[in-house]
Amino acid sequence: MTVRVTVTDVPRSITFRADADAERALAALTADGTSVSDAVRAALVEAARRQTGERLRAEATRIAADDADRAEAAQVLRDMESLRAW
């Protein structure tokens, strides 16, 4: 099955070849009457959000494990404390 999706902000059509897993997922996402275009659009947006969240979590974990960075941040906070107005 070939599914075409038109992105509304950009006059563009996307075509892909669905394998058996994608067909089952698409059937599940459209079982309630949701159009194929809406289901694919929502799935793409959700996948991008999830990927962004995973990247941010990985970066936060990396930064939290960086002892030198944490020590520098703590020093900056101590230095800034003297500048407080109250």
C-alpha atoms as a PDB file:
ATOM      1  CA  MET A   1       0.000   0.000   0.000  1.00  0.00           C
ATOM      2  CA  THR A   2       1.282   3.470  -0.835  1.00  0.00           C
ATOM      3  CA  VAL A   3       0.156   6.300   1.410  1.00  0.00           C
ATOM      4  CA  ARG A   4       0.427   9.922   0.333  1.00  0.00           C
ATOM      5  CA  VAL A   5       0.474  12.630   2.930  1.00  0.00           C
ATOM      6  CA  THR A   6       0.219  16.306   2.089  1.00  0.00           C
ATOM      7  CA  VAL A   7       1.900  18.611   4.578  1.00  0.00           C
ATOM      8  CA  THR A   8      -0.347  21.652   4.921  1.00  0.00           C
ATOM      9  CA  ASP A   9       2.325  24.317   5.450  1.00  0.00           C
ATOM     10  CA  VAL A  10       4.409  23.168   2.517  1.00  0.00           C
ATOM     11  CA  PRO A  11       2.887  22.011  -0.756  1.00  0.00           C
ATOM     12  CA  ARG A  12       4.523  18.604  -0.537  1.00  0.00           C
ATOM     13  CA  SER A  13       3.421  15.010  -0.740  1.00  0.00           C
ATOM     14  CA  ILE A  14       5.214  12.175   1.025  1.00  0.00           C
ATOM     15  CA  THR A  15       5.025   8.636  -0.265  1.00  0.00           C
ATOM     16  CA  PHE A  16       6.205   5.525   1.574  1.00  0.00           C
ATOM     17  CA  ARG A  17       5.865   1.790   1.220  1.00  0.00           C
ATOM     18  CA  ALA A  18       4.186   0.359   4.287  1.00  0.00           C
ATOM     19  CA  ASP A  19       5.403  -3.005   5.544  1.00  0.00           C
ATOM     20  CA  ALA A  20       3.202  -5.363   7.564  1.00  0.00           C
ATOM     21  CA  ASP A  21       3.983  -3.621  10.874  1.00  0.00           C
ATOM     22  CA  ALA A  22       3.185  -0.199   9.405  1.00  0.00           C
ATOM     23  CA  GLU A  23      -0.056  -1.546   7.921  1.00  0.00           C
ATOM     24  CA  ARG A  24      -1.129  -2.875  11.324  1.00  0.00           C
ATOM     25  CA  ALA A  25      -0.203   0.409  13.011  1.00  0.00           C
ATOM     26  CA  LEU A  26      -2.078   2.385  10.376  1.00  0.00           C
ATOM     27  CA  ALA A  27      -5.122   0.154  10.774  1.00  0.00           C
ATOM     28  CA  ALA A  28      -5.045   0.725  14.540  1.00  0.00           C
ATOM     29  CA  LEU A  29      -4.663   4.490  14.132  1.00  0.00           C
ATOM     30  CA  THR A  30      -7.543   4.735  11.666  1.00  0.00           C
ATOM     31  CA  ALA A  31      -9.921   2.226  13.277  1.00  0.00           C
ATOM     32  CA  ASP A  32     -11.890   5.060  14.894  1.00  0.00           C
ATOM     33  CA  GLY A  33     -12.481   6.789  11.564  1.00  0.00           C
ATOM     34  CA  THR A  34      -9.395   9.005  11.645  1.00  0.00           C
ATOM     35  CA  SER A  35      -8.204   9.649   8.110  1.00  0.00           C
ATOM     36  CA  VAL A  36      -4.920   8.142   6.968  1.00  0.00           C
ATOM     37  CA  SER A  37      -3.505  11.634   6.440  1.00  0.00           C
ATOM     38  CA  ASP A  38      -4.449  12.751   9.958  1.00  0.00           C
ATOM     39  CA  ALA A  39      -3.113   9.531  11.499  1.00  0.00           C
ATOM     40  CA  VAL A  40       0.214   9.770   9.672  1.00  0.00           C
ATOM     41  CA  ARG A  41       0.544  13.475  10.458  1.00  0.00           C
ATOM     42  CA  ALA A  42      -0.137  12.890  14.165  1.00  0.00           C
ATOM     43  CA  ALA A  43       2.260   9.940  14.277  1.00  0.00           C
ATOM     44  CA  LEU A  44       5.048  11.998  12.689  1.00  0.00           C
ATOM     45  CA  VAL A  45       4.547  14.859  15.133  1.00  0.00           C
ATOM     46  CA  GLU A  46       4.480  12.474  18.097  1.00  0.00           C
ATOM     47  CA  ALA A  47       7.616  10.658  16.891  1.00  0.00           C
ATOM     48  CA  ALA A  48       9.464  13.970  16.543  1.00  0.00           C
ATOM     49  CA  ARG A  49       8.390  15.054  20.051  1.00  0.00           C
ATOM     50  CA  ARG A  50       9.480  11.729  21.500  1.00  0.00           C
ATOM     51  CA  GLN A  51      12.843  11.876  19.728  1.00  0.00           C
ATOM     52  CA  THR A  52      13.437  15.450  20.915  1.00  0.00           C
ATOM     53  CA  GLY A  53      12.573  14.457  24.479  1.00  0.00           C
ATOM     54  CA  GLU A  54      14.933  11.481  24.334  1.00  0.00           C
ATOM     55  CA  ARG A  55      17.756  13.686  23.042  1.00  0.00           C
ATOM     56  CA  LEU A  56      17.146  16.262  25.777  1.00  0.00           C
ATOM     57  CA  ARG A  57      17.080  13.565  28.468  1.00  0.00           C
ATOM     58  CA  ALA A  58      20.340  12.103  27.165  1.00  0.00           C
ATOM     59  CA  GLU A  59      21.964  15.543  27.144  1.00  0.00           C
ATOM     60  CA  ALA A  60      20.727  16.302  30.662  1.00  0.00           C
ATOM     61  CA  THR A  61      22.083  12.974  31.885  1.00  0.00           C
ATOM     62  CA  ARG A  62      25.443  13.675  30.261  1.00  0.00           C
ATOM     63  CA  ILE A  63      25.611  17.167  31.760  1.00  0.00           C
ATOM     64  CA  ALA A  64      24.540  15.955  35.207  1.00  0.00           C
ATOM     65  CA  ALA A  65      27.362  13.399  35.144  1.00  0.00           C
ATOM     66  CA  ASP A  66      29.968  16.067  34.299  1.00  0.00           C
ATOM     67  CA  ASP A  67      31.550  16.852  37.674  1.00  0.00           C
ATOM     68  CA  ALA A  68      33.582  19.768  36.304  1.00  0.00           C
ATOM     69  CA  ASP A  69      30.485  21.392  34.816  1.00  0.00           C
ATOM     70  CA  ARG A  70      28.536  20.941  38.046  1.00  0.00           C
ATOM     71  CA  ALA A  71      31.404  22.441  40.068  1.00  0.00           C
ATOM     72  CA  GLU A  72      31.575  25.421  37.720  1.00  0.00           C
ATOM     73  CA  ALA A  73      27.801  25.952  37.953  1.00  0.00           C
ATOM     74  CA  ALA A  74      27.989  25.823  41.750  1.00  0.00           C
ATOM     75  CA  GLN A  75      30.789  28.402  41.716  1.00  0.00           C
ATOM     76  CA  VAL A  76      28.770  30.708  39.462  1.00  0.00           C
ATOM     77  CA  LEU A  77      25.832  30.449  41.875  1.00  0.00           C
ATOM     78  CA  ARG A  78      28.093  31.323  44.810  1.00  0.00           C
ATOM     79  CA  ASP A  79      29.532  34.281  42.874  1.00  0.00           C
ATOM     80  CA  MET A  80      26.048  35.495  41.908  1.00  0.00           C
ATOM     81  CA  GLU A  81      24.829  35.299  45.508  1.00  0.00           C
ATOM     82  CA  SER A  82      26.831  38.404  46.361  1.00  0.00           C
ATOM     83  CA  LEU A  83      24.960  40.349  43.672  1.00  0.00           C
ATOM     84  CA  ARG A  84      21.519  39.713  45.123  1.00  0.00           C
ATOM     85  CA  ALA A  85      19.553  42.851  45.937  1.00  0.00           C
ATOM     86  CA  TRP A  86      17.949  41.372  49.042  1.00  0.00           C
END
